[in-house]
Amino acid sequence: MARFVAIERGTGRIYGDTARFGSAGNVVSPADAVCLFDRQAGRAARGFGYVKADSTAAHYDVYEIPRFAPESVTASEAEAQALVREHGSLVTSLVTYNS
């Protein structure tokens, strides 16, 4: 399965890294990854729409980390940001809808 890292567009901070969830982090889509992060954070379920990377409406940018990148779980914000910079490729940007 793919490893996804989501970055909050408004703050630039890491919202989640699927590697932090072990086998529960084996999701198939960027939206599934953000849903997983939401559940962990105790957020209510919400919907997602895919938008272009340059969209001002986007709430999250989701990056895929290839399998050849370091497998270790990022322990800090700085490590996660470095992982995305060095190995990540933007997969999509997401807008959220409260349900």
N, C-alpha and C. Protein backbone atom coordinates (compact mmCIF):
# COMPACT_ATOMS: atom_id res chain seq x y z
N MET A 1 0.83 -1.19 0.00
CA MET A 1 0.00 0.00 0.00
C MET A 1 0.87 1.25 0.00
N ALA A 2 0.29 2.33 -0.42
CA ALA A 2 0.99 3.61 -0.47
C ALA A 2 1.11 4.22 0.91
N ARG A 3 2.15 5.00 1.08
CA ARG A 3 2.32 5.78 2.30
C ARG A 3 1.97 7.22 1.95
N PHE A 4 1.03 7.80 2.71
CA PHE A 4 0.59 9.16 2.46
C PHE A 4 0.92 10.06 3.65
N VAL A 5 1.30 11.28 3.34
CA VAL A 5 1.50 12.32 4.34
C VAL A 5 0.64 13.51 3.91
N ALA A 6 -0.21 13.98 4.81
CA ALA A 6 -1.08 15.12 4.51
C ALA A 6 -0.57 16.36 5.24
N ILE A 7 -0.57 17.46 4.52
CA ILE A 7 -0.16 18.74 5.08
C ILE A 7 -1.35 19.69 5.04
N GLU A 8 -1.63 20.33 6.18
CA GLU A 8 -2.71 21.31 6.24
C GLU A 8 -2.30 22.53 5.42
N ARG A 9 -3.13 22.91 4.49
CA ARG A 9 -2.80 24.02 3.61
C ARG A 9 -2.73 25.34 4.39
N GLY A 10 -3.63 25.55 5.34
CA GLY A 10 -3.68 26.81 6.07
C GLY A 10 -2.48 27.06 6.97
N THR A 11 -1.92 25.99 7.55
CA THR A 11 -0.84 26.15 8.52
C THR A 11 0.51 25.67 8.00
N GLY A 12 0.48 24.78 6.99
CA GLY A 12 1.72 24.18 6.50
C GLY A 12 2.23 23.06 7.38
N ARG A 13 1.47 22.71 8.41
CA ARG A 13 1.89 21.65 9.33
C ARG A 13 1.41 20.28 8.85
N ILE A 14 2.13 19.26 9.29
CA ILE A 14 1.75 17.88 8.97
C ILE A 14 0.46 17.53 9.70
N TYR A 15 -0.53 17.04 8.96
CA TYR A 15 -1.77 16.59 9.58
C TYR A 15 -1.68 15.12 9.95
N GLY A 16 -0.97 14.33 9.15
CA GLY A 16 -0.83 12.93 9.46
C GLY A 16 0.09 12.21 8.50
N ASP A 17 0.58 11.07 8.95
CA ASP A 17 1.47 10.20 8.18
C ASP A 17 0.95 8.79 8.39
N THR A 18 0.55 8.12 7.31
CA THR A 18 -0.04 6.78 7.46
C THR A 18 0.93 5.79 8.08
N ALA A 19 2.23 6.04 8.00
CA ALA A 19 3.21 5.13 8.60
C ALA A 19 3.07 5.07 10.12
N ARG A 20 2.48 6.08 10.72
CA ARG A 20 2.31 6.12 12.18
C ARG A 20 1.24 5.16 12.67
N PHE A 21 0.52 4.53 11.74
CA PHE A 21 -0.61 3.67 12.11
C PHE A 21 -0.35 2.19 11.88
N GLY A 22 0.86 1.82 11.51
CA GLY A 22 1.16 0.41 11.26
C GLY A 22 0.27 -0.13 10.16
N SER A 23 -0.23 -1.34 10.33
CA SER A 23 -1.06 -1.95 9.29
C SER A 23 -2.39 -1.23 9.11
N ALA A 24 -2.87 -0.53 10.13
CA ALA A 24 -4.11 0.25 10.00
C ALA A 24 -3.93 1.41 9.03
N GLY A 25 -2.68 1.78 8.77
CA GLY A 25 -2.39 2.87 7.84
C GLY A 25 -2.35 2.44 6.39
N ASN A 26 -2.66 1.18 6.11
CA ASN A 26 -2.69 0.70 4.73
C ASN A 26 -4.00 1.12 4.08
N VAL A 27 -4.02 2.31 3.53
CA VAL A 27 -5.21 2.87 2.88
C VAL A 27 -4.95 2.94 1.38
N VAL A 28 -6.01 3.07 0.61
CA VAL A 28 -5.86 3.03 -0.84
C VAL A 28 -5.92 4.40 -1.51
N SER A 29 -6.38 5.42 -0.80
CA SER A 29 -6.50 6.72 -1.45
C SER A 29 -6.09 7.84 -0.50
N PRO A 30 -5.77 8.99 -1.05
CA PRO A 30 -5.45 10.14 -0.20
C PRO A 30 -6.62 10.53 0.71
N ALA A 31 -7.84 10.46 0.19
CA ALA A 31 -9.00 10.79 1.03
C ALA A 31 -9.14 9.80 2.19
N ASP A 32 -8.89 8.51 1.92
CA ASP A 32 -8.92 7.51 3.00
C ASP A 32 -7.87 7.83 4.06
N ALA A 33 -6.72 8.31 3.63
CA ALA A 33 -5.67 8.67 4.59
C ALA A 33 -6.13 9.80 5.50
N VAL A 34 -6.73 10.84 4.93
CA VAL A 34 -7.19 11.96 5.75
C VAL A 34 -8.34 11.53 6.66
N CYS A 35 -9.19 10.63 6.19
CA CYS A 35 -10.25 10.07 7.06
C CYS A 35 -9.63 9.35 8.26
N LEU A 36 -8.58 8.59 8.01
CA LEU A 36 -7.87 7.90 9.09
C LEU A 36 -7.31 8.91 10.09
N PHE A 37 -6.71 9.98 9.59
CA PHE A 37 -6.16 11.00 10.49
C PHE A 37 -7.27 11.68 11.29
N ASP A 38 -8.43 11.92 10.63
CA ASP A 38 -9.58 12.52 11.32
C ASP A 38 -10.05 11.63 12.47
N ARG A 39 -10.19 10.32 12.19
CA ARG A 39 -10.65 9.40 13.25
C ARG A 39 -9.70 9.42 14.43
N GLN A 40 -8.40 9.42 14.15
CA GLN A 40 -7.40 9.46 15.22
C GLN A 40 -7.51 10.74 16.04
N ALA A 41 -7.84 11.83 15.37
CA ALA A 41 -7.95 13.13 16.04
C ALA A 41 -9.31 13.33 16.70
N GLY A 42 -10.23 12.36 16.51
CA GLY A 42 -11.55 12.46 17.12
C GLY A 42 -12.49 13.40 16.39
N ARG A 43 -12.21 13.70 15.13
CA ARG A 43 -13.05 14.59 14.35
C ARG A 43 -14.27 13.85 13.82
N ALA A 44 -15.34 14.58 13.61
CA ALA A 44 -16.55 14.01 13.00
C ALA A 44 -16.27 13.66 11.54
N ALA A 45 -17.01 12.69 11.03
CA ALA A 45 -16.85 12.29 9.63
C ALA A 45 -17.18 13.47 8.72
N ARG A 46 -16.44 13.58 7.63
CA ARG A 46 -16.69 14.64 6.65
C ARG A 46 -16.34 14.14 5.27
N GLY A 47 -16.81 14.82 4.28
CA GLY A 47 -16.55 14.43 2.90
C GLY A 47 -15.36 15.19 2.34
N PHE A 48 -14.85 14.67 1.24
CA PHE A 48 -13.68 15.27 0.59
C PHE A 48 -13.91 15.38 -0.90
N GLY A 49 -13.36 16.41 -1.47
CA GLY A 49 -13.37 16.59 -2.91
C GLY A 49 -11.95 16.81 -3.38
N TYR A 50 -11.66 16.33 -4.56
CA TYR A 50 -10.33 16.50 -5.14
C TYR A 50 -10.30 17.80 -5.93
N VAL A 51 -9.28 18.62 -5.70
CA VAL A 51 -9.12 19.88 -6.41
C VAL A 51 -7.70 19.98 -6.95
N LYS A 52 -7.50 20.90 -7.87
CA LYS A 52 -6.16 21.10 -8.43
C LYS A 52 -5.22 21.65 -7.37
N ALA A 53 -3.95 21.38 -7.55
CA ALA A 53 -2.94 21.79 -6.57
C ALA A 53 -2.91 23.30 -6.36
N ASP A 54 -3.26 24.07 -7.36
CA ASP A 54 -3.21 25.52 -7.22
C ASP A 54 -4.53 26.13 -6.72
N SER A 55 -5.47 25.28 -6.34
CA SER A 55 -6.77 25.75 -5.86
C SER A 55 -6.64 26.45 -4.51
N THR A 56 -7.25 27.60 -4.38
CA THR A 56 -7.24 28.31 -3.10
C THR A 56 -8.26 27.71 -2.12
N ALA A 57 -9.11 26.80 -2.61
CA ALA A 57 -10.11 26.17 -1.75
C ALA A 57 -9.56 24.95 -1.01
N ALA A 58 -8.40 24.46 -1.41
CA ALA A 58 -7.86 23.22 -0.82
C ALA A 58 -7.58 23.37 0.66
N HIS A 59 -7.89 22.33 1.41
CA HIS A 59 -7.59 22.28 2.85
C HIS A 59 -6.34 21.46 3.13
N TYR A 60 -6.07 20.46 2.29
CA TYR A 60 -4.92 19.57 2.49
C TYR A 60 -4.21 19.31 1.18
N ASP A 61 -2.90 19.21 1.25
CA ASP A 61 -2.09 18.69 0.16
C ASP A 61 -1.61 17.32 0.63
N VAL A 62 -1.81 16.30 -0.20
CA VAL A 62 -1.45 14.95 0.19
C VAL A 62 -0.32 14.46 -0.71
N TYR A 63 0.74 13.99 -0.06
CA TYR A 63 1.93 13.51 -0.75
C TYR A 63 2.06 12.01 -0.57
N GLU A 64 2.56 11.36 -1.61
CA GLU A 64 2.87 9.94 -1.52
C GLU A 64 4.37 9.80 -1.33
N ILE A 65 4.74 8.93 -0.41
CA ILE A 65 6.15 8.64 -0.14
C ILE A 65 6.44 7.28 -0.77
N PRO A 66 7.40 7.19 -1.68
CA PRO A 66 7.67 5.92 -2.35
C PRO A 66 8.24 4.87 -1.41
N ARG A 67 8.10 3.65 -1.80
CA ARG A 67 8.56 2.52 -0.97
C ARG A 67 10.06 2.55 -0.69
N PHE A 68 10.86 3.11 -1.60
CA PHE A 68 12.31 3.12 -1.39
C PHE A 68 12.74 4.17 -0.37
N ALA A 69 11.85 5.06 0.03
CA ALA A 69 12.18 6.09 1.03
C ALA A 69 12.32 5.42 2.40
N PRO A 70 12.90 6.12 3.36
CA PRO A 70 13.04 5.54 4.71
C PRO A 70 11.69 5.06 5.24
N GLU A 71 11.68 3.86 5.78
CA GLU A 71 10.45 3.25 6.29
C GLU A 71 10.10 3.71 7.71
N SER A 72 11.04 4.30 8.39
CA SER A 72 10.79 4.64 9.79
C SER A 72 9.70 5.70 9.92
N VAL A 73 9.01 5.63 11.01
CA VAL A 73 7.95 6.58 11.31
C VAL A 73 8.59 7.90 11.72
N THR A 74 8.05 8.99 11.19
CA THR A 74 8.57 10.31 11.55
C THR A 74 8.11 10.65 12.96
N ALA A 75 9.06 11.07 13.78
CA ALA A 75 8.76 11.35 15.19
C ALA A 75 8.46 12.83 15.44
N SER A 76 8.85 13.69 14.53
CA SER A 76 8.65 15.11 14.76
C SER A 76 8.15 15.79 13.49
N GLU A 77 7.65 16.99 13.67
CA GLU A 77 7.20 17.81 12.54
C GLU A 77 8.35 18.04 11.56
N ALA A 78 9.52 18.36 12.07
CA ALA A 78 10.68 18.63 11.22
C ALA A 78 11.06 17.40 10.39
N GLU A 79 11.03 16.22 11.00
CA GLU A 79 11.36 14.99 10.27
C GLU A 79 10.35 14.71 9.17
N ALA A 80 9.08 14.91 9.48
CA ALA A 80 8.04 14.67 8.49
C ALA A 80 8.14 15.65 7.33
N GLN A 81 8.40 16.92 7.64
CA GLN A 81 8.56 17.93 6.59
C GLN A 81 9.75 17.58 5.70
N ALA A 82 10.85 17.13 6.31
CA ALA A 82 12.05 16.76 5.54
C ALA A 82 11.75 15.56 4.65
N LEU A 83 11.00 14.59 5.16
CA LEU A 83 10.64 13.41 4.38
C LEU A 83 9.84 13.81 3.14
N VAL A 84 8.88 14.70 3.32
CA VAL A 84 8.07 15.16 2.19
C VAL A 84 8.94 15.91 1.18
N ARG A 85 9.79 16.79 1.67
CA ARG A 85 10.67 17.56 0.78
C ARG A 85 11.59 16.67 -0.04
N GLU A 86 12.16 15.67 0.61
CA GLU A 86 13.17 14.83 -0.03
C GLU A 86 12.60 13.69 -0.86
N HIS A 87 11.45 13.15 -0.46
CA HIS A 87 10.95 11.94 -1.13
C HIS A 87 9.50 12.03 -1.61
N GLY A 88 8.76 13.01 -1.16
CA GLY A 88 7.33 13.06 -1.47
C GLY A 88 7.02 13.60 -2.84
N SER A 89 5.91 13.12 -3.38
CA SER A 89 5.38 13.70 -4.62
C SER A 89 3.91 14.01 -4.36
N LEU A 90 3.52 15.22 -4.75
CA LEU A 90 2.14 15.64 -4.53
C LEU A 90 1.21 14.74 -5.34
N VAL A 91 0.27 14.12 -4.63
CA VAL A 91 -0.70 13.24 -5.29
C VAL A 91 -1.97 14.02 -5.61
N THR A 92 -2.44 14.79 -4.64
CA THR A 92 -3.66 15.56 -4.83
C THR A 92 -3.79 16.61 -3.75
N SER A 93 -4.73 17.50 -3.98
CA SER A 93 -5.14 18.44 -2.95
C SER A 93 -6.61 18.16 -2.68
N LEU A 94 -7.01 18.32 -1.43
CA LEU A 94 -8.37 17.99 -1.03
C LEU A 94 -9.06 19.19 -0.40
N VAL A 95 -10.34 19.33 -0.68
CA VAL A 95 -11.20 20.27 0.00
C VAL A 95 -12.13 19.42 0.88
N THR A 96 -12.48 19.93 2.04
CA THR A 96 -13.33 19.17 2.95
C THR A 96 -14.74 19.74 2.99
N TYR A 97 -15.68 18.84 3.25
CA TYR A 97 -17.09 19.21 3.39
C TYR A 97 -17.59 18.60 4.69
N ASN A 98 -18.16 19.40 5.56
CA ASN A 98 -18.72 18.84 6.79
C ASN A 98 -19.98 18.09 6.44
N SER A 99 -20.17 16.96 7.15
CA SER A 99 -21.38 16.19 6.88
C SER A 99 -22.25 16.13 8.10
